[in-house]
Amino acid sequence: ARDLQRTHQQWFLGKSLDTFCPLGPWIVPKEELLGRDNTLSLDIQTRINGEVRQNGNTRNLLFSIPKLIATISAGITLKPGDILATGTPRGVGAGFNPPKFLKPPDIMVVEIEGIGNL
């Protein structure tokens, strides 16, 4: 997939191939995740073989959820249940020196506050 990302101006092709977006095992309604001030502030951590590689929070998104919805829905019809993939915190494999890419039999765990481990 990295070869597609390098030859295309957007990463969309390299990130949207069949089987490239595992989801679940469940989805939690936003009402169960909103804070007392009606904002979304969830810690997100990615571990590879127990090593923390990414550590972030949804309050640090480059664009707010309402802004993402407005921008995307200007050209794409969104329906209830649609999922908007927003990216990840700093710490992707290519960003390390030397790079740390996944390889068999690596185990990745993504933990999202209020949702659990994926």
PDB file of N, CA and C in Angstrom:
ATOM      1  N   ALA A   1       0.813  -1.196   0.000  1.00  0.00           N
ATOM      2  CA  ALA A   1       0.000   0.000   0.000  1.00  0.00           C
ATOM      3  C   ALA A   1       0.857   1.261   0.000  1.00  0.00           C
ATOM      4  N   ARG A   2       2.039   1.183   0.607  1.00  0.00           N
ATOM      5  CA  ARG A   2       2.917   2.367   0.623  1.00  0.00           C
ATOM      6  C   ARG A   2       3.308   2.773  -0.797  1.00  0.00           C
ATOM      7  N   ASP A   3       3.444   1.812  -1.690  1.00  0.00           N
ATOM      8  CA  ASP A   3       3.797   2.157  -3.068  1.00  0.00           C
ATOM      9  C   ASP A   3       2.695   2.994  -3.711  1.00  0.00           C
ATOM     10  N   LEU A   4       1.439   2.697  -3.410  1.00  0.00           N
ATOM     11  CA  LEU A   4       0.327   3.494  -3.935  1.00  0.00           C
ATOM     12  C   LEU A   4       0.347   4.897  -3.344  1.00  0.00           C
ATOM     13  N   GLN A   5       0.661   5.004  -2.053  1.00  0.00           N
ATOM     14  CA  GLN A   5       0.717   6.312  -1.405  1.00  0.00           C
ATOM     15  C   GLN A   5       1.814   7.179  -2.029  1.00  0.00           C
ATOM     16  N   ARG A   6       2.930   6.591  -2.331  1.00  0.00           N
ATOM     17  CA  ARG A   6       4.056   7.357  -2.891  1.00  0.00           C
ATOM     18  C   ARG A   6       3.791   7.836  -4.316  1.00  0.00           C
ATOM     19  N   THR A   7       3.044   7.060  -5.096  1.00  0.00           N
ATOM     20  CA  THR A   7       2.819   7.426  -6.492  1.00  0.00           C
ATOM     21  C   THR A   7       1.574   8.283  -6.700  1.00  0.00           C
ATOM     22  N   HIS A   8       0.813   8.507  -5.651  1.00  0.00           N
ATOM     23  CA  HIS A   8      -0.415   9.287  -5.742  1.00  0.00           C
ATOM     24  C   HIS A   8      -0.286  10.506  -4.836  1.00  0.00           C
ATOM     25  N   GLN A   9      -0.939  11.591  -5.175  1.00  0.00           N
ATOM     26  CA  GLN A   9      -0.834  12.817  -4.374  1.00  0.00           C
ATOM     27  C   GLN A   9      -1.560  12.721  -3.031  1.00  0.00           C
ATOM     28  N   GLN A  10      -2.513  11.834  -2.918  1.00  0.00           N
ATOM     29  CA  GLN A  10      -3.247  11.632  -1.676  1.00  0.00           C
ATOM     30  C   GLN A  10      -3.016  10.219  -1.186  1.00  0.00           C
ATOM     31  N   TRP A  11      -3.156  10.009   0.113  1.00  0.00           N
ATOM     32  CA  TRP A  11      -2.959   8.681   0.687  1.00  0.00           C
ATOM     33  C   TRP A  11      -4.208   7.814   0.578  1.00  0.00           C
ATOM     34  N   PHE A  12      -5.266   8.370   0.026  1.00  0.00           N
ATOM     35  CA  PHE A  12      -6.537   7.652  -0.045  1.00  0.00           C
ATOM     36  C   PHE A  12      -6.384   6.254  -0.643  1.00  0.00           C
ATOM     37  N   LEU A  13      -5.696   6.135  -1.775  1.00  0.00           N
ATOM     38  CA  LEU A  13      -5.568   4.836  -2.437  1.00  0.00           C
ATOM     39  C   LEU A  13      -4.839   3.823  -1.559  1.00  0.00           C
ATOM     40  N   GLY A  14      -3.819   4.258  -0.881  1.00  0.00           N
ATOM     41  CA  GLY A  14      -3.047   3.345  -0.041  1.00  0.00           C
ATOM     42  C   GLY A  14      -3.740   2.974   1.257  1.00  0.00           C
ATOM     43  N   LYS A  15      -4.781   3.694   1.598  1.00  0.00           N
ATOM     44  CA  LYS A  15      -5.462   3.433   2.861  1.00  0.00           C
ATOM     45  C   LYS A  15      -6.890   2.919   2.674  1.00  0.00           C
ATOM     46  N   SER A  16      -7.307   2.685   1.451  1.00  0.00           N
ATOM     47  CA  SER A  16      -8.701   2.312   1.235  1.00  0.00           C
ATOM     48  C   SER A  16      -8.879   0.986   0.503  1.00  0.00           C
ATOM     49  N   LEU A  17      -7.839   0.187   0.442  1.00  0.00           N
ATOM     50  CA  LEU A  17      -7.950  -1.110  -0.214  1.00  0.00           C
ATOM     51  C   LEU A  17      -8.812  -2.064   0.604  1.00  0.00           C
ATOM     52  N   ASP A  18      -9.394  -3.053  -0.052  1.00  0.00           N
ATOM     53  CA  ASP A  18     -10.189  -4.059   0.663  1.00  0.00           C
ATOM     54  C   ASP A  18      -9.370  -4.632   1.812  1.00  0.00           C
ATOM     55  N   THR A  19      -9.988  -4.837   2.935  1.00  0.00           N
ATOM     56  CA  THR A  19      -9.434  -5.384   4.187  1.00  0.00           C
ATOM     57  C   THR A  19      -8.559  -4.390   4.941  1.00  0.00           C
ATOM     58  N   PHE A  20      -8.422  -3.135   4.488  1.00  0.00           N
ATOM     59  CA  PHE A  20      -7.529  -2.180   5.131  1.00  0.00           C
ATOM     60  C   PHE A  20      -8.196  -1.340   6.216  1.00  0.00           C
ATOM     61  N   CYS A  21      -9.419  -1.599   6.548  1.00  0.00           N
ATOM     62  CA  CYS A  21     -10.100  -0.784   7.564  1.00  0.00           C
ATOM     63  C   CYS A  21     -10.850  -1.670   8.554  1.00  0.00           C
ATOM     64  N   PRO A  22     -10.104  -2.415   9.381  1.00  0.00           N
ATOM     65  CA  PRO A  22     -10.794  -3.250  10.356  1.00  0.00           C
ATOM     66  C   PRO A  22     -11.521  -2.390  11.383  1.00  0.00           C
ATOM     67  N   LEU A  23     -12.738  -2.769  11.692  1.00  0.00           N
ATOM     68  CA  LEU A  23     -13.561  -2.047  12.666  1.00  0.00           C
ATOM     69  C   LEU A  23     -14.159  -3.035  13.641  1.00  0.00           C
ATOM     70  N   GLY A  24     -14.442  -2.540  14.817  1.00  0.00           N
ATOM     71  CA  GLY A  24     -15.146  -3.380  15.771  1.00  0.00           C
ATOM     72  C   GLY A  24     -14.242  -3.884  16.852  1.00  0.00           C
ATOM     73  N   PRO A  25     -14.691  -4.740  17.676  1.00  0.00           N
ATOM     74  CA  PRO A  25     -15.871  -5.584  17.500  1.00  0.00           C
ATOM     75  C   PRO A  25     -17.189  -4.903  17.830  1.00  0.00           C
ATOM     76  N   TRP A  26     -17.153  -3.616  18.188  1.00  0.00           N
ATOM     77  CA  TRP A  26     -18.396  -2.916  18.453  1.00  0.00           C
ATOM     78  C   TRP A  26     -18.214  -1.438  18.151  1.00  0.00           C
ATOM     79  N   ILE A  27     -19.363  -0.754  18.083  1.00  0.00           N
ATOM     80  CA  ILE A  27     -19.379   0.695  17.900  1.00  0.00           C
ATOM     81  C   ILE A  27     -20.180   1.273  19.053  1.00  0.00           C
ATOM     82  N   VAL A  28     -19.706   2.370  19.623  1.00  0.00           N
ATOM     83  CA  VAL A  28     -20.348   2.989  20.774  1.00  0.00           C
ATOM     84  C   VAL A  28     -20.989   4.302  20.328  1.00  0.00           C
ATOM     85  N   PRO A  29     -22.272   4.520  20.636  1.00  0.00           N
ATOM     86  CA  PRO A  29     -22.926   5.782  20.256  1.00  0.00           C
ATOM     87  C   PRO A  29     -22.235   6.972  20.933  1.00  0.00           C
ATOM     88  N   LYS A  30     -22.173   8.101  20.230  1.00  0.00           N
ATOM     89  CA  LYS A  30     -21.475   9.278  20.752  1.00  0.00           C
ATOM     90  C   LYS A  30     -22.045   9.737  22.097  1.00  0.00           C
ATOM     91  N   GLU A  31     -23.333   9.524  22.320  1.00  0.00           N
ATOM     92  CA  GLU A  31     -23.946   9.954  23.574  1.00  0.00           C
ATOM     93  C   GLU A  31     -23.293   9.288  24.784  1.00  0.00           C
ATOM     94  N   GLU A  32     -22.746   8.097  24.592  1.00  0.00           N
ATOM     95  CA  GLU A  32     -22.083   7.388  25.680  1.00  0.00           C
ATOM     96  C   GLU A  32     -20.639   7.845  25.881  1.00  0.00           C
ATOM     97  N   LEU A  33     -20.124   8.648  24.963  1.00  0.00           N
ATOM     98  CA  LEU A  33     -18.726   9.069  25.010  1.00  0.00           C
ATOM     99  C   LEU A  33     -18.527  10.547  25.301  1.00  0.00           C
ATOM    100  N   LEU A  34     -19.573  11.349  25.145  1.00  0.00           N
ATOM    101  CA  LEU A  34     -19.444  12.788  25.333  1.00  0.00           C
ATOM    102  C   LEU A  34     -19.176  13.132  26.791  1.00  0.00           C
ATOM    103  N   GLY A  35     -18.338  14.134  27.006  1.00  0.00           N
ATOM    104  CA  GLY A  35     -18.045  14.608  28.351  1.00  0.00           C
ATOM    105  C   GLY A  35     -19.186  15.458  28.885  1.00  0.00           C
ATOM    106  N   ARG A  36     -19.028  15.894  30.122  1.00  0.00           N
ATOM    107  CA  ARG A  36     -20.071  16.715  30.762  1.00  0.00           C
ATOM    108  C   ARG A  36     -20.318  18.011  30.016  1.00  0.00           C
ATOM    109  N   ASP A  37     -19.305  18.530  29.350  1.00  0.00           N
ATOM    110  CA  ASP A  37     -19.461  19.764  28.590  1.00  0.00           C
ATOM    111  C   ASP A  37     -19.869  19.500  27.142  1.00  0.00           C
ATOM    112  N   ASN A  38     -20.327  18.276  26.861  1.00  0.00           N
ATOM    113  CA  ASN A  38     -20.812  17.873  25.539  1.00  0.00           C
ATOM    114  C   ASN A  38     -19.706  17.859  24.480  1.00  0.00           C
ATOM    115  N   THR A  39     -18.453  17.641  24.920  1.00  0.00           N
ATOM    116  CA  THR A  39     -17.337  17.539  23.978  1.00  0.00           C
ATOM    117  C   THR A  39     -16.796  16.114  23.979  1.00  0.00           C
ATOM    118  N   LEU A  40     -16.079  15.801  22.930  1.00  0.00           N
ATOM    119  CA  LEU A  40     -15.474  14.486  22.778  1.00  0.00           C
ATOM    120  C   LEU A  40     -13.993  14.600  23.103  1.00  0.00           C
ATOM    121  N   SER A  41     -13.558  13.935  24.168  1.00  0.00           N
ATOM    122  CA  SER A  41     -12.162  13.974  24.585  1.00  0.00           C
ATOM    123  C   SER A  41     -11.759  12.572  25.024  1.00  0.00           C
ATOM    124  N   LEU A  42     -11.323  11.768  24.053  1.00  0.00           N
ATOM    125  CA  LEU A  42     -10.999  10.370  24.323  1.00  0.00           C
ATOM    126  C   LEU A  42      -9.512  10.122  24.122  1.00  0.00           C
ATOM    127  N   ASP A  43      -8.877   9.486  25.100  1.00  0.00           N
ATOM    128  CA  ASP A  43      -7.483   9.085  24.939  1.00  0.00           C
ATOM    129  C   ASP A  43      -7.408   7.910  23.961  1.00  0.00           C
ATOM    130  N   ILE A  44      -6.393   7.934  23.104  1.00  0.00           N
ATOM    131  CA  ILE A  44      -6.163   6.881  22.120  1.00  0.00           C
ATOM    132  C   ILE A  44      -4.694   6.471  22.214  1.00  0.00           C
ATOM    133  N   GLN A  45      -4.464   5.167  22.324  1.00  0.00           N
ATOM    134  CA  GLN A  45      -3.088   4.684  22.407  1.00  0.00           C
ATOM    135  C   GLN A  45      -2.925   3.464  21.503  1.00  0.00           C
ATOM    136  N   THR A  46      -1.819   3.431  20.767  1.00  0.00           N
ATOM    137  CA  THR A  46      -1.479   2.272  19.927  1.00  0.00           C
ATOM    138  C   THR A  46      -0.208   1.647  20.468  1.00  0.00           C
ATOM    139  N   ARG A  47      -0.270   0.328  20.671  1.00  0.00           N
ATOM    140  CA  ARG A  47       0.895  -0.421  21.144  1.00  0.00           C
ATOM    141  C   ARG A  47       1.222  -1.515  20.134  1.00  0.00           C
ATOM    142  N   ILE A  48       2.517  -1.674  19.870  1.00  0.00           N
ATOM    143  CA  ILE A  48       3.004  -2.756  19.023  1.00  0.00           C
ATOM    144  C   ILE A  48       3.866  -3.639  19.911  1.00  0.00           C
ATOM    145  N   ASN A  49       3.434  -4.881  20.078  1.00  0.00           N
ATOM    146  CA  ASN A  49       4.151  -5.826  20.948  1.00  0.00           C
ATOM    147  C   ASN A  49       4.390  -5.220  22.329  1.00  0.00           C
ATOM    148  N   GLY A  50       3.416  -4.464  22.819  1.00  0.00           N
ATOM    149  CA  GLY A  50       3.499  -3.855  24.146  1.00  0.00           C
ATOM    150  C   GLY A  50       4.172  -2.495  24.185  1.00  0.00           C
ATOM    151  N   GLU A  51       4.865  -2.097  23.118  1.00  0.00           N
ATOM    152  CA  GLU A  51       5.554  -0.799  23.074  1.00  0.00           C
ATOM    153  C   GLU A  51       4.573   0.286  22.618  1.00  0.00           C
ATOM    154  N   VAL A  52       4.449   1.357  23.414  1.00  0.00           N
ATOM    155  CA  VAL A  52       3.572   2.463  23.030  1.00  0.00           C
ATOM    156  C   VAL A  52       4.201   3.185  21.840  1.00  0.00           C
ATOM    157  N   ARG A  53       3.456   3.245  20.745  1.00  0.00           N
ATOM    158  CA  ARG A  53       3.929   3.928  19.543  1.00  0.00           C
ATOM    159  C   ARG A  53       3.156   5.226  19.295  1.00  0.00           C
ATOM    160  N   GLN A  54       1.894   5.242  19.701  1.00  0.00           N
ATOM    161  CA  GLN A  54       1.079   6.434  19.516  1.00  0.00           C
ATOM    162  C   GLN A  54       0.306   6.691  20.808  1.00  0.00           C
ATOM    163  N   ASN A  55       0.200   7.959  21.160  1.00  0.00           N
ATOM    164  CA  ASN A  55      -0.511   8.338  22.374  1.00  0.00           C
ATOM    165  C   ASN A  55      -1.131   9.702  22.105  1.00  0.00           C
ATOM    166  N   GLY A  56      -2.451   9.761  22.027  1.00  0.00           N
ATOM    167  CA  GLY A  56      -3.097  11.020  21.684  1.00  0.00           C
ATOM    168  C   GLY A  56      -4.478  11.127  22.285  1.00  0.00           C
ATOM    169  N   ASN A  57      -5.204  12.158  21.875  1.00  0.00           N
ATOM    170  CA  ASN A  57      -6.547  12.405  22.369  1.00  0.00           C
ATOM    171  C   ASN A  57      -7.355  13.038  21.242  1.00  0.00           C
ATOM    172  N   THR A  58      -8.626  12.721  21.188  1.00  0.00           N
ATOM    173  CA  THR A  58      -9.479  13.247  20.121  1.00  0.00           C
ATOM    174  C   THR A  58      -9.586  14.765  20.166  1.00  0.00           C
ATOM    175  N   ARG A  59      -9.332  15.393  21.301  1.00  0.00           N
ATOM    176  CA  ARG A  59      -9.393  16.861  21.355  1.00  0.00           C
ATOM    177  C   ARG A  59      -8.260  17.498  20.528  1.00  0.00           C
ATOM    178  N   ASN A  60      -7.275  16.686  20.123  1.00  0.00           N
ATOM    179  CA  ASN A  60      -6.147  17.189  19.337  1.00  0.00           C
ATOM    180  C   ASN A  60      -6.307  16.954  17.836  1.00  0.00           C
ATOM    181  N   LEU A  61      -7.503  16.604  17.386  1.00  0.00           N
ATOM    182  CA  LEU A  61      -7.738  16.441  15.950  1.00  0.00           C
ATOM    183  C   LEU A  61      -7.417  17.747  15.228  1.00  0.00           C
ATOM    184  N   LEU A  62      -6.874  17.675  14.033  1.00  0.00           N
ATOM    185  CA  LEU A  62      -6.571  18.887  13.269  1.00  0.00           C
ATOM    186  C   LEU A  62      -7.834  19.674  12.936  1.00  0.00           C
ATOM    187  N   PHE A  63      -8.925  18.960  12.681  1.00  0.00           N
ATOM    188  CA  PHE A  63     -10.204  19.583  12.378  1.00  0.00           C
ATOM    189  C   PHE A  63     -11.257  19.009  13.316  1.00  0.00           C
ATOM    190  N   SER A  64     -12.166  19.843  13.772  1.00  0.00           N
ATOM    191  CA  SER A  64     -13.235  19.380  14.670  1.00  0.00           C
ATOM    192  C   SER A  64     -14.156  18.419  13.913  1.00  0.00           C
ATOM    193  N   ILE A  65     -14.865  17.602  14.666  1.00  0.00           N
ATOM    194  CA  ILE A  65     -15.820  16.670  14.049  1.00  0.00           C
ATOM    195  C   ILE A  65     -16.867  17.440  13.228  1.00  0.00           C
ATOM    196  N   PRO A  66     -17.478  18.525  13.759  1.00  0.00           N
ATOM    197  CA  PRO A  66     -18.434  19.268  12.927  1.00  0.00           C
ATOM    198  C   PRO A  66     -17.810  19.802  11.628  1.00  0.00           C
ATOM    199  N   LYS A  67     -16.554  20.263  11.687  1.00  0.00           N
ATOM    200  CA  LYS A  67     -15.876  20.766  10.484  1.00  0.00           C
ATOM    201  C   LYS A  67     -15.646  19.629   9.479  1.00  0.00           C
ATOM    202  N   LEU A  68     -15.238  18.449   9.980  1.00  0.00           N
ATOM    203  CA  LEU A  68     -15.050  17.299   9.102  1.00  0.00           C
ATOM    204  C   LEU A  68     -16.360  16.916   8.413  1.00  0.00           C
ATOM    205  N   ILE A  69     -17.429  16.869   9.185  1.00  0.00           N
ATOM    206  CA  ILE A  69     -18.728  16.499   8.611  1.00  0.00           C
ATOM    207  C   ILE A  69     -19.159  17.516   7.568  1.00  0.00           C
ATOM    208  N   ALA A  70     -19.004  18.809   7.867  1.00  0.00           N
ATOM    209  CA  ALA A  70     -19.397  19.852   6.917  1.00  0.00           C
ATOM    210  C   ALA A  70     -18.581  19.760   5.635  1.00  0.00           C
ATOM    211  N   THR A  71     -17.280  19.571   5.770  1.00  0.00           N
ATOM    212  CA  THR A  71     -16.403  19.513   4.600  1.00  0.00           C
ATOM    213  C   THR A  71     -16.700  18.291   3.737  1.00  0.00           C
ATOM    214  N   ILE A  72     -16.794  17.132   4.381  1.00  0.00           N
ATOM    215  CA  ILE A  72     -17.019  15.894   3.628  1.00  0.00           C
ATOM    216  C   ILE A  72     -18.406  15.881   2.994  1.00  0.00           C
ATOM    217  N   SER A  73     -19.418  16.330   3.743  1.00  0.00           N
ATOM    218  CA  SER A  73     -20.784  16.272   3.223  1.00  0.00           C
ATOM    219  C   SER A  73     -21.032  17.300   2.119  1.00  0.00           C
ATOM    220  N   ALA A  74     -20.092  18.222   1.910  1.00  0.00           N
ATOM    221  CA  ALA A  74     -20.232  19.163   0.800  1.00  0.00           C
ATOM    222  C   ALA A  74     -20.109  18.448  -0.543  1.00  0.00           C
ATOM    223  N   GLY A  75     -19.481  17.262  -0.560  1.00  0.00           N
ATOM    224  CA  GLY A  75     -19.323  16.550  -1.824  1.00  0.00           C
ATOM    225  C   GLY A  75     -19.688  15.086  -1.773  1.00  0.00           C
ATOM    226  N   ILE A  76     -19.952  14.570  -0.568  1.00  0.00           N
ATOM    227  CA  ILE A  76     -20.277  13.158  -0.400  1.00  0.00           C
ATOM    228  C   ILE A  76     -21.523  13.064   0.464  1.00  0.00           C
ATOM    229  N   THR A  77     -22.486  12.258   0.041  1.00  0.00           N
ATOM    230  CA  THR A  77     -23.689  12.062   0.841  1.00  0.00           C
ATOM    231  C   THR A  77     -23.361  11.190   2.039  1.00  0.00           C
ATOM    232  N   LEU A  78     -23.556  11.718   3.229  1.00  0.00           N
ATOM    233  CA  LEU A  78     -23.348  10.948   4.456  1.00  0.00           C
ATOM    234  C   LEU A  78     -24.691  10.454   4.974  1.00  0.00           C
ATOM    235  N   LYS A  79     -24.701   9.228   5.443  1.00  0.00           N
ATOM    236  CA  LYS A  79     -25.911   8.624   5.972  1.00  0.00           C
ATOM    237  C   LYS A  79     -25.649   8.137   7.387  1.00  0.00           C
ATOM    238  N   PRO A  80     -26.711   7.988   8.194  1.00  0.00           N
ATOM    239  CA  PRO A  80     -26.521   7.473   9.556  1.00  0.00           C
ATOM    240  C   PRO A  80     -25.752   6.155   9.523  1.00  0.00           C
ATOM    241  N   GLY A  81     -24.753   6.059  10.392  1.00  0.00           N
ATOM    242  CA  GLY A  81     -23.938   4.857  10.449  1.00  0.00           C
ATOM    243  C   GLY A  81     -22.636   4.961   9.670  1.00  0.00           C
ATOM    244  N   ASP A  82     -22.501   5.978   8.814  1.00  0.00           N
ATOM    245  CA  ASP A  82     -21.246   6.164   8.095  1.00  0.00           C
ATOM    246  C   ASP A  82     -20.115   6.437   9.092  1.00  0.00           C
ATOM    247  N   ILE A  83     -18.931   6.000   8.739  1.00  0.00           N
ATOM    248  CA  ILE A  83     -17.762   6.180   9.594  1.00  0.00           C
ATOM    249  C   ILE A  83     -16.768   7.077   8.875  1.00  0.00           C
ATOM    250  N   LEU A  84     -16.280   8.096   9.585  1.00  0.00           N
ATOM    251  CA  LEU A  84     -15.272   8.992   9.035  1.00  0.00           C
ATOM    252  C   LEU A  84     -13.939   8.653   9.696  1.00  0.00           C
ATOM    253  N   ALA A  85     -13.009   8.163   8.913  1.00  0.00           N
ATOM    254  CA  ALA A  85     -11.690   7.831   9.439  1.00  0.00           C
ATOM    255  C   ALA A  85     -10.839   9.104   9.407  1.00  0.00           C
ATOM    256  N   THR A  86     -10.364   9.529  10.576  1.00  0.00           N
ATOM    257  CA  THR A  86      -9.703  10.830  10.689  1.00  0.00           C
ATOM    258  C   THR A  86      -8.189  10.755  10.739  1.00  0.00           C
ATOM    259  N   GLY A  87      -7.620   9.580  10.782  1.00  0.00           N
ATOM    260  CA  GLY A  87      -6.171   9.463  10.890  1.00  0.00           C
ATOM    261  C   GLY A  87      -5.768   9.071  12.305  1.00  0.00           C
ATOM    262  N   THR A  88      -4.491   9.196  12.596  1.00  0.00           N
ATOM    263  CA  THR A  88      -3.968   8.749  13.883  1.00  0.00           C
ATOM    264  C   THR A  88      -3.031   9.780  14.486  1.00  0.00           C
ATOM    265  N   PRO A  89      -2.736   9.648  15.772  1.00  0.00           N
ATOM    266  CA  PRO A  89      -1.751  10.542  16.396  1.00  0.00           C
ATOM    267  C   PRO A  89      -0.354  10.299  15.832  1.00  0.00           C
ATOM    268  N   ARG A  90       0.577  11.177  16.178  1.00  0.00           N
ATOM    269  CA  ARG A  90       1.976  10.996  15.774  1.00  0.00           C
ATOM    270  C   ARG A  90       2.482   9.642  16.247  1.00  0.00           C
ATOM    271  N   GLY A  91       3.424   9.085  15.482  1.00  0.00           N
ATOM    272  CA  GLY A  91       4.033   7.827  15.889  1.00  0.00           C
ATOM    273  C   GLY A  91       3.923   6.722  14.864  1.00  0.00           C
ATOM    274  N   VAL A  92       3.604   7.069  13.609  1.00  0.00           N
ATOM    275  CA  VAL A  92       3.546   6.035  12.576  1.00  0.00           C
ATOM    276  C   VAL A  92       4.944   5.498  12.304  1.00  0.00           C
ATOM    277  N   GLY A  93       5.009   4.272  11.824  1.00  0.00           N
ATOM    278  CA  GLY A  93       6.277   3.580  11.625  1.00  0.00           C
ATOM    279  C   GLY A  93       7.288   4.333  10.788  1.00  0.00           C
ATOM    280  N   ALA A  94       6.826   5.011   9.735  1.00  0.00           N
ATOM    281  CA  ALA A  94       7.738   5.737   8.851  1.00  0.00           C
ATOM    282  C   ALA A  94       8.376   6.940   9.534  1.00  0.00           C
ATOM    283  N   GLY A  95       7.775   7.394  10.633  1.00  0.00           N
ATOM    284  CA  GLY A  95       8.283   8.572  11.327  1.00  0.00           C
ATOM    285  C   GLY A  95       9.450   8.294  12.258  1.00  0.00           C
ATOM    286  N   PHE A  96       9.782   7.035  12.480  1.00  0.00           N
ATOM    287  CA  PHE A  96      10.903   6.682  13.349  1.00  0.00           C
ATOM    288  C   PHE A  96      12.199   6.657  12.548  1.00  0.00           C
ATOM    289  N   ASN A  97      13.313   6.850  13.226  1.00  0.00           N
ATOM    290  CA  ASN A  97      14.621   6.767  12.586  1.00  0.00           C
ATOM    291  C   ASN A  97      15.474   5.767  13.352  1.00  0.00           C
ATOM    292  N   PRO A  98      15.653   4.556  12.832  1.00  0.00           N
ATOM    293  CA  PRO A  98      15.142   4.067  11.542  1.00  0.00           C
ATOM    294  C   PRO A  98      13.649   3.739  11.630  1.00  0.00           C
ATOM    295  N   PRO A  99      12.975   3.642  10.479  1.00  0.00           N
ATOM    296  CA  PRO A  99      11.542   3.327  10.463  1.00  0.00           C
ATOM    297  C   PRO A  99      11.241   2.008  11.182  1.00  0.00           C
ATOM    298  N   LYS A 100      10.051   1.943  11.785  1.00  0.00           N
ATOM    299  CA  LYS A 100       9.584   0.740  12.489  1.00  0.00           C
ATOM    300  C   LYS A 100       8.293   0.272  11.830  1.00  0.00           C
ATOM    301  N   PHE A 101       8.407  -0.509  10.792  1.00  0.00           N
ATOM    302  CA  PHE A 101       7.228  -1.007  10.091  1.00  0.00           C
ATOM    303  C   PHE A 101       6.750  -2.308  10.715  1.00  0.00           C
ATOM    304  N   LEU A 102       5.452  -2.571  10.607  1.00  0.00           N
ATOM    305  CA  LEU A 102       4.892  -3.823  11.107  1.00  0.00           C
ATOM    306  C   LEU A 102       5.401  -4.995  10.293  1.00  0.00           C
ATOM    307  N   LYS A 103       5.572  -6.113  10.980  1.00  0.00           N
ATOM    308  CA  LYS A 103       5.997  -7.341  10.305  1.00  0.00           C
ATOM    309  C   LYS A 103       5.443  -8.527  11.097  1.00  0.00           C
ATOM    310  N   PRO A 104       5.217  -9.648  10.431  1.00  0.00           N
ATOM    311  CA  PRO A 104       4.742 -10.834  11.145  1.00  0.00           C
ATOM    312  C   PRO A 104       5.773 -11.247  12.184  1.00  0.00           C
ATOM    313  N   PRO A 105       5.427 -11.643  13.351  1.00  0.00           N
ATOM    314  CA  PRO A 105       4.088 -11.809  13.944  1.00  0.00           C
ATOM    315  C   PRO A 105       3.718 -10.664  14.893  1.00  0.00           C
ATOM    316  N   ASP A 106       4.026  -9.399  14.543  1.00  0.00           N
ATOM    317  CA  ASP A 106       3.720  -8.259  15.410  1.00  0.00           C
ATOM    318  C   ASP A 106       2.253  -8.261  15.829  1.00  0.00           C
ATOM    319  N   ILE A 107       2.019  -7.783  17.043  1.00  0.00           N
ATOM    320  CA  ILE A 107       0.656  -7.664  17.564  1.00  0.00           C
ATOM    321  C   ILE A 107       0.390  -6.192  17.850  1.00  0.00           C
ATOM    322  N   MET A 108      -0.643  -5.658  17.211  1.00  0.00           N
ATOM    323  CA  MET A 108      -1.040  -4.263  17.406  1.00  0.00           C
ATOM    324  C   MET A 108      -2.308  -4.213  18.254  1.00  0.00           C
ATOM    325  N   VAL A 109      -2.297  -3.345  19.256  1.00  0.00           N
ATOM    326  CA  VAL A 109      -3.483  -3.097  20.070  1.00  0.00           C
ATOM    327  C   VAL A 109      -3.751  -1.611  20.049  1.00  0.00           C
ATOM    328  N   VAL A 110      -4.963  -1.214  19.671  1.00  0.00           N
ATOM    329  CA  VAL A 110      -5.380   0.183  19.721  1.00  0.00           C
ATOM    330  C   VAL A 110      -6.413   0.292  20.821  1.00  0.00           C
ATOM    331  N   GLU A 111      -6.114   1.110  21.816  1.00  0.00           N
ATOM    332  CA  GLU A 111      -7.019   1.290  22.952  1.00  0.00           C
ATOM    333  C   GLU A 111      -7.638   2.679  22.875  1.00  0.00           C
ATOM    334  N   ILE A 112      -8.960   2.717  22.910  1.00  0.00           N
ATOM    335  CA  ILE A 112      -9.687   3.990  22.852  1.00  0.00           C
ATOM    336  C   ILE A 112     -10.541   4.084  24.117  1.00  0.00           C
ATOM    337  N   GLU A 113     -10.322   5.161  24.864  1.00  0.00           N
ATOM    338  CA  GLU A 113     -11.034   5.386  26.123  1.00  0.00           C
ATOM    339  C   GLU A 113     -12.549   5.306  25.896  1.00  0.00           C
ATOM    340  N   GLY A 114     -13.223   4.561  26.739  1.00  0.00           N
ATOM    341  CA  GLY A 114     -14.672   4.439  26.636  1.00  0.00           C
ATOM    342  C   GLY A 114     -15.141   3.402  25.623  1.00  0.00           C
ATOM    343  N   ILE A 115     -14.239   2.905  24.805  1.00  0.00           N
ATOM    344  CA  ILE A 115     -14.598   1.894  23.806  1.00  0.00           C
ATOM    345  C   ILE A 115     -13.911   0.574  24.117  1.00  0.00           C
ATOM    346  N   GLY A 116     -12.616   0.609  24.351  1.00  0.00           N
ATOM    347  CA  GLY A 116     -11.886  -0.615  24.688  1.00  0.00           C
ATOM    348  C   GLY A 116     -10.727  -0.857  23.754  1.00  0.00           C
ATOM    349  N   ASN A 117     -10.278  -2.091  23.701  1.00  0.00           N
ATOM    350  CA  ASN A 117      -9.140  -2.498  22.875  1.00  0.00           C
ATOM    351  C   ASN A 117      -9.612  -3.092  21.565  1.00  0.00           C
ATOM    352  N   LEU A 118      -8.984  -2.647  20.501  1.00  0.00           N
ATOM    353  CA  LEU A 118      -9.277  -3.212  19.181  1.00  0.00           C
ATOM    354  C   LEU A 118      -8.051  -3.968  18.707  1.00  0.00           C
TER     355      LEU A 118
END
